[in-house]
Structures are given as C-alpha cells and as structure tokens.
C-alpha atoms as a PDB file:
ATOM      1  CA  MET A   1      60.567  33.851 -20.759  1.00  0.00           C
ATOM      2  CA  LYS A   2      62.308  32.766 -17.568  1.00  0.00           C
ATOM      3  CA  ARG A   3      58.945  32.324 -15.827  1.00  0.00           C
ATOM      4  CA  ASN A   4      57.667  30.120 -18.678  1.00  0.00           C
ATOM      5  CA  LEU A   5      60.792  27.964 -18.446  1.00  0.00           C
ATOM      6  CA  VAL A   6      60.295  27.548 -14.701  1.00  0.00           C
ATOM      7  CA  LEU A   7      56.607  26.687 -15.152  1.00  0.00           C
ATOM      8  CA  ALA A   8      57.421  24.191 -17.903  1.00  0.00           C
ATOM      9  CA  SER A   9      60.109  22.589 -15.720  1.00  0.00           C
ATOM     10  CA  VAL A  10      57.753  22.264 -12.745  1.00  0.00           C
ATOM     11  CA  GLY A  11      55.048  20.810 -15.000  1.00  0.00           C
ATOM     12  CA  ALA A  12      57.503  18.267 -16.407  1.00  0.00           C
ATOM     13  CA  LEU A  13      58.545  17.237 -12.888  1.00  0.00           C
ATOM     14  CA  VAL A  14      54.922  16.718 -11.825  1.00  0.00           C
ATOM     15  CA  ILE A  15      54.116  14.686 -14.946  1.00  0.00           C
ATOM     16  CA  GLY A  16      57.321  12.691 -14.496  1.00  0.00           C
ATOM     17  CA  ALA A  17      56.492  11.951 -10.866  1.00  0.00           C
ATOM     18  CA  LEU A  18      53.006  10.722 -11.768  1.00  0.00           C
ATOM     19  CA  ALA A  19      54.380   8.671 -14.662  1.00  0.00           C
ATOM     20  CA  SER A  20      57.034   7.060 -12.477  1.00  0.00           C
ATOM     21  CA  LEU A  21      54.419   6.283  -9.832  1.00  0.00           C
ATOM     22  CA  SER A  22      52.296   4.605 -12.482  1.00  0.00           C
ATOM     23  CA  ALA A  23      55.222   2.723 -14.006  1.00  0.00           C
ATOM     24  CA  VAL A  24      56.017   0.872 -10.774  1.00  0.00           C
ATOM     25  CA  ALA A  25      53.387  -1.661  -9.794  1.00  0.00           C
ATOM     26  CA  GLN A  26      51.995  -0.978  -6.326  1.00  0.00           C
ATOM     27  CA  THR A  27      51.092  -4.443  -5.108  1.00  0.00           C
ATOM     28  CA  CYS A  28      50.314  -6.268  -1.895  1.00  0.00           C
ATOM     29  CA  ALA A  29      53.969  -7.324  -1.747  1.00  0.00           C
ATOM     30  CA  ASN A  30      55.147  -3.767  -2.437  1.00  0.00           C
ATOM     31  CA  PRO A  31      52.419  -1.270  -1.447  1.00  0.00           C
ATOM     32  CA  TYR A  32      52.794   2.442  -2.017  1.00  0.00           C
ATOM     33  CA  ARG A  33      53.238   4.253   1.342  1.00  0.00           C
ATOM     34  CA  TRP A  34      51.011   7.340   1.455  1.00  0.00           C
ATOM     35  CA  GLN A  35      50.654   9.843   4.292  1.00  0.00           C
ATOM     36  CA  PRO A  36      49.108  13.084   2.967  1.00  0.00           C
ATOM     37  CA  PRO A  37      50.847  16.211   4.243  1.00  0.00           C
ATOM     38  CA  ALA A  38      49.093  18.779   6.393  1.00  0.00           C
ATOM     39  CA  GLU A  39      48.676  21.437   3.708  1.00  0.00           C
ATOM     40  CA  PRO A  40      44.995  21.999   2.957  1.00  0.00           C
ATOM     41  CA  ALA A  41      45.504  22.192  -0.827  1.00  0.00           C
ATOM     42  CA  GLN A  42      47.783  19.193  -1.199  1.00  0.00           C
ATOM     43  CA  PRO A  43      48.134  17.373  -4.506  1.00  0.00           C
ATOM     44  CA  ALA A  44      46.137  14.237  -5.164  1.00  0.00           C
ATOM     45  CA  LEU A  45      47.708  10.797  -5.316  1.00  0.00           C
ATOM     46  CA  GLY A  46      47.253   9.630  -8.897  1.00  0.00           C
ATOM     47  CA  GLY A  47      48.138   6.518 -10.797  1.00  0.00           C
ATOM     48  CA  THR A  48      46.883   3.597 -12.779  1.00  0.00           C
ATOM     49  CA  THR A  49      45.661   0.201 -11.720  1.00  0.00           C
ATOM     50  CA  CYS A  50      46.739  -1.382 -15.024  1.00  0.00           C
ATOM     51  CA  SER A  51      50.074  -2.787 -13.816  1.00  0.00           C
ATOM     52  CA  GLY A  52      48.856  -3.496 -10.298  1.00  0.00           C
ATOM     53  CA  ASP A  53      48.239  -6.475  -8.065  1.00  0.00           C
ATOM     54  CA  THR A  54      46.274  -9.407  -9.479  1.00  0.00           C
ATOM     55  CA  THR A  55      46.444 -11.796  -6.513  1.00  0.00           C
ATOM     56  CA  ALA A  56      42.904 -11.186  -5.264  1.00  0.00           C
ATOM     57  CA  SER A  57      39.936 -13.125  -6.569  1.00  0.00           C
ATOM     58  CA  GLY A  58      37.654 -10.891  -4.549  1.00  0.00           C
ATOM     59  CA  TYR A  59      37.517  -8.280  -1.823  1.00  0.00           C
ATOM     60  CA  CYS A  60      35.671  -7.734   1.437  1.00  0.00           C
ATOM     61  CA  GLY A  61      35.299 -11.364   2.428  1.00  0.00           C
ATOM     62  CA  GLY A  62      34.301 -12.331  -1.114  1.00  0.00           C
ATOM     63  CA  ASN A  63      31.444  -9.826  -1.324  1.00  0.00           C
ATOM     64  CA  PHE A  64      33.011  -7.994  -4.301  1.00  0.00           C
ATOM     65  CA  ASP A  65      34.632  -9.559  -7.378  1.00  0.00           C
ATOM     66  CA  ALA A  66      38.115  -8.522  -8.476  1.00  0.00           C
ATOM     67  CA  PRO A  67      37.768  -8.131 -12.253  1.00  0.00           C
ATOM     68  CA  GLY A  68      40.946  -6.095 -12.737  1.00  0.00           C
ATOM     69  CA  PRO A  69      44.342  -5.341 -11.200  1.00  0.00           C
ATOM     70  CA  ALA A  70      44.611  -3.206  -8.060  1.00  0.00           C
ATOM     71  CA  PHE A  71      46.820  -0.296  -6.981  1.00  0.00           C
ATOM     72  CA  VAL A  72      47.667  -1.040  -3.318  1.00  0.00           C
ATOM     73  CA  ILE A  73      48.455   1.723  -0.822  1.00  0.00           C
ATOM     74  CA  LEU A  74      49.490   1.323   2.822  1.00  0.00           C
ATOM     75  CA  SER A  75      48.619   4.188   5.199  1.00  0.00           C
ATOM     76  CA  THR A  76      48.620   4.728   8.938  1.00  0.00           C
ATOM     77  CA  PHE A  77      45.732   6.629  10.515  1.00  0.00           C
ATOM     78  CA  THR A  78      46.225   8.227  13.934  1.00  0.00           C
ATOM     79  CA  SER A  79      44.041  10.263  16.269  1.00  0.00           C
ATOM     80  CA  ASN A  80      45.875  13.481  15.331  1.00  0.00           C
ATOM     81  CA  ARG A  81      44.718  13.331  11.693  1.00  0.00           C
ATOM     82  CA  THR A  82      43.210  16.466  10.215  1.00  0.00           C
ATOM     83  CA  ALA A  83      41.623  14.785   7.174  1.00  0.00           C
ATOM     84  CA  THR A  84      37.867  14.357   7.316  1.00  0.00           C
ATOM     85  CA  ARG A  85      37.253  12.871   3.854  1.00  0.00           C
ATOM     86  CA  LEU A  86      38.924  10.913   1.074  1.00  0.00           C
ATOM     87  CA  SER A  87      37.582  11.362  -2.463  1.00  0.00           C
ATOM     88  CA  LEU A  88      38.127   9.163  -5.520  1.00  0.00           C
ATOM     89  CA  THR A  89      38.059  10.405  -9.110  1.00  0.00           C
ATOM     90  CA  GLY A  90      38.913   8.805 -12.415  1.00  0.00           C
ATOM     91  CA  GLY A  91      37.562   6.097 -14.635  1.00  0.00           C
ATOM     92  CA  GLY A  92      36.555   5.870 -18.237  1.00  0.00           C
ATOM     93  CA  ALA A  93      35.045   3.499 -20.756  1.00  0.00           C
ATOM     94  CA  GLY A  94      34.885   0.082 -19.090  1.00  0.00           C
ATOM     95  CA  PHE A  95      36.649   1.177 -15.889  1.00  0.00           C
ATOM     96  CA  ASP A  96      34.747   2.320 -12.810  1.00  0.00           C
ATOM     97  CA  PRO A  97      37.259   2.769  -9.960  1.00  0.00           C
ATOM     98  CA  VAL A  98      36.397   1.750  -6.417  1.00  0.00           C
ATOM     99  CA  VAL A  99      38.271   1.922  -3.097  1.00  0.00           C
ATOM    100  CA  TYR A 100      38.325  -0.808  -0.463  1.00  0.00           C
ATOM    101  CA  PHE A 101      39.922  -0.240   2.946  1.00  0.00           C
ATOM    102  CA  SER A 102      41.293  -3.423   4.472  1.00  0.00           C
ATOM    103  CA  PRO A 103      43.087  -3.694   7.845  1.00  0.00           C
ATOM    104  CA  ALA A 104      46.818  -4.189   7.324  1.00  0.00           C
ATOM    105  CA  SER A 105      46.628  -6.947   9.940  1.00  0.00           C
ATOM    106  CA  SER A 106      44.671  -9.011   7.388  1.00  0.00           C
ATOM    107  CA  PRO A 107      46.471 -10.557   4.444  1.00  0.00           C
ATOM    108  CA  CYS A 108      46.316  -8.203   1.478  1.00  0.00           C
ATOM    109  CA  GLY A 109      44.619  -9.520  -1.646  1.00  0.00           C
ATOM    110  CA  SER A 110      43.050 -12.570  -0.038  1.00  0.00           C
ATOM    111  CA  ASN A 111      39.386 -11.661   0.459  1.00  0.00           C
ATOM    112  CA  ALA A 112      40.291 -10.005   3.771  1.00  0.00           C
ATOM    113  CA  ALA A 113      37.664  -8.190   5.769  1.00  0.00           C
ATOM    114  CA  CYS A 114      36.846  -4.667   4.639  1.00  0.00           C
ATOM    115  CA  GLY A 115      36.447  -1.375   6.368  1.00  0.00           C
ATOM    116  CA  ALA A 116      35.191   1.582   4.379  1.00  0.00           C
ATOM    117  CA  THR A 117      34.409   1.233   0.664  1.00  0.00           C
ATOM    118  CA  THR A 118      33.443   3.801  -1.960  1.00  0.00           C
ATOM    119  CA  ASP A 119      33.328   4.711  -5.614  1.00  0.00           C
ATOM    120  CA  THR A 120      33.645   8.073  -7.352  1.00  0.00           C
ATOM    121  CA  GLY A 121      30.278   9.262  -6.050  1.00  0.00           C
ATOM    122  CA  THR A 122      30.760   9.461  -2.281  1.00  0.00           C
ATOM    123  CA  PRO A 123      33.824  10.449  -0.205  1.00  0.00           C
ATOM    124  CA  ILE A 124      34.897   8.228   2.692  1.00  0.00           C
ATOM    125  CA  ASP A 125      34.442   9.821   6.124  1.00  0.00           C
ATOM    126  CA  LEU A 126      37.876   9.960   7.776  1.00  0.00           C
ATOM    127  CA  SER A 127      36.903  11.978  10.845  1.00  0.00           C
ATOM    128  CA  GLY A 128      37.610  10.522  14.279  1.00  0.00           C
ATOM    129  CA  ALA A 129      34.109   9.049  14.507  1.00  0.00           C
ATOM    130  CA  GLY A 130      34.054   8.157  10.796  1.00  0.00           C
ATOM    131  CA  ASP A 131      34.535   5.047   8.723  1.00  0.00           C
ATOM    132  CA  VAL A 132      38.267   4.503   9.321  1.00  0.00           C
ATOM    133  CA  PRO A 133      39.471   3.749  12.867  1.00  0.00           C
ATOM    134  CA  ASP A 134      43.077   4.471  13.871  1.00  0.00           C
ATOM    135  CA  GLY A 135      45.592   1.928  12.631  1.00  0.00           C
ATOM    136  CA  ASP A 136      47.349   0.648   9.529  1.00  0.00           C
ATOM    137  CA  TRP A 137      45.165   0.192   6.451  1.00  0.00           C
ATOM    138  CA  PHE A 138      45.551  -1.080   2.926  1.00  0.00           C
ATOM    139  CA  ILE A 139      43.745   1.286   0.567  1.00  0.00           C
ATOM    140  CA  ILE A 140      42.987  -0.771  -2.510  1.00  0.00           C
ATOM    141  CA  VAL A 141      41.980   0.990  -5.741  1.00  0.00           C
ATOM    142  CA  THR A 142      40.610  -1.363  -8.379  1.00  0.00           C
ATOM    143  CA  ALA A 143      37.814  -1.899 -10.892  1.00  0.00           C
ATOM    144  CA  ALA A 144      34.220  -2.221  -9.710  1.00  0.00           C
ATOM    145  CA  SER A 145      32.541  -5.622  -9.691  1.00  0.00           C
ATOM    146  CA  ILE A 146      30.388  -4.499 -12.642  1.00  0.00           C
ATOM    147  CA  ASP A 147      33.454  -4.053 -14.884  1.00  0.00           C
ATOM    148  CA  GLY A 148      34.744  -6.707 -17.285  1.00  0.00           C
ATOM    149  CA  ALA A 149      37.725  -8.990 -16.778  1.00  0.00           C
ATOM    150  CA  GLY A 150      41.023  -7.097 -16.808  1.00  0.00           C
ATOM    151  CA  ALA A 151      39.383  -3.664 -16.402  1.00  0.00           C
ATOM    152  CA  CYS A 152      41.891  -1.010 -15.361  1.00  0.00           C
ATOM    153  CA  GLY A 153      42.562   2.694 -15.693  1.00  0.00           C
ATOM    154  CA  GLN A 154      43.564   6.016 -14.180  1.00  0.00           C
ATOM    155  CA  PHE A 155      42.453   7.261 -10.748  1.00  0.00           C
ATOM    156  CA  ALA A 156      43.195  10.012  -8.221  1.00  0.00           C
ATOM    157  CA  LEU A 157      42.703  10.054  -4.443  1.00  0.00           C
ATOM    158  CA  GLN A 158      42.375  13.361  -2.604  1.00  0.00           C
ATOM    159  CA  ALA A 159      42.403  13.806   1.165  1.00  0.00           C
ATOM    160  CA  ASN A 160      41.404  17.178   2.572  1.00  0.00           C
ATOM    161  CA  GLY A 161      44.036  17.091   5.305  1.00  0.00           C
ATOM    162  CA  SER A 162      46.662  14.812   6.787  1.00  0.00           C
ATOM    163  CA  PHE A 163      46.708  11.519   8.625  1.00  0.00           C
ATOM    164  CA  PRO A 164      50.229  11.925   9.999  1.00  0.00           C
ATOM    165  CA  VAL A 165      52.310   9.361  11.785  1.00  0.00           C
ATOM    166  CA  ALA A 166      53.870  10.278  15.130  1.00  0.00           C
ATOM    167  CA  LEU A 167      57.618   9.779  15.497  1.00  0.00           C
ATOM    168  CA  GLN A 168      58.110   6.575  17.510  1.00  0.00           C
ATOM    169  CA  SER A 169      61.885   6.626  17.912  1.00  0.00           C
ATOM    170  CA  PHE A 170      64.871   8.609  16.749  1.00  0.00           C
ATOM    171  CA  SER A 171      68.594   7.952  16.890  1.00  0.00           C
ATOM    172  CA  VAL A 172      71.786   9.406  15.438  1.00  0.00           C
ATOM    173  CA  ASP A 173      74.772   7.171  14.828  1.00  0.00           C
END
C-alpha cells in the first residue's frame, strides 16, 4: 500500500511537471533553458507547441514555412558533451513535429540561418564532429512545412547524454 502511494505520488509529480512545462509558453522572448544531465537514462523533454511562439513566418533563411507555433529551447553545447544524438518523437493527426537548430547569435524567429534540422525519422548527430558545433543554440520544435495553418501538438526530445555547461565564475556574498 505504501509503495503504491509513493509510486502514485511520483507519477503525479512527473505529470504535473510536464503539464506545467506545457502551460507556460516557451517563446523566443522566453526560451526554455535545457541542459540534459549526464545520466544515460535521463527523462525526455516533453511539451506542446500549441501555446508557443508565433513570431516566425519561416525558418532556415525562409527555406521552411512556419505553419504553426513553436516551442523554443535555448541550450549551450560544449566540447565536454557526452551526447551523440538528439531524437524527436510525437505528432498526430495534422501535426508532424520538426526541429530546427538556429545559432543563438541570430535573432530567434526571424528566418535566421539554420544548423541541424530533423523530423521524427532521423536523430541529429551531436558528436564532436557532428551537426551541432559548440556554442549557444535555439532548438525550435514546430510543425513541418507540410502541415496546415496553426498546426500544433505534443512532442518529446531525448538526448542520449549531456551537453553540460562549464562553471565560468562563482562567488559567495
């Protein structure tokens, strides 16, 4: 009985965390900061694009339309990362999620240049010689160009390791 109560409580916390993540729009002005931890079996980042950013008319220099809102993530990739791939899952009727990496030095949501892109079929190579050089990146999850206007839905991103940030400074007052 006690074990079931503990399991139910943990399950409620996980569902609550995902629901609260989805309830707050993750936009270009307020991106979600994500740095996966080093554990090999870490949880996926999940959410919805439905209440996300709608400032973009397109992505990747105008090469891809922006039919629906976007969930915007800001991450820092460093040479000490252990992640070698990033996988996208999710979607449903009328919503085919895609991921666009855009350098954080470019304005978010303004047809900025793209780095790596993918859909649910192929993971992005995050290894040192892969598709994502070191630096700060917007990871934009949105509807594919083939989807209709306003298309949105659930997604999950899973990294198989970490892309940690090194401590730059530390002080105690």
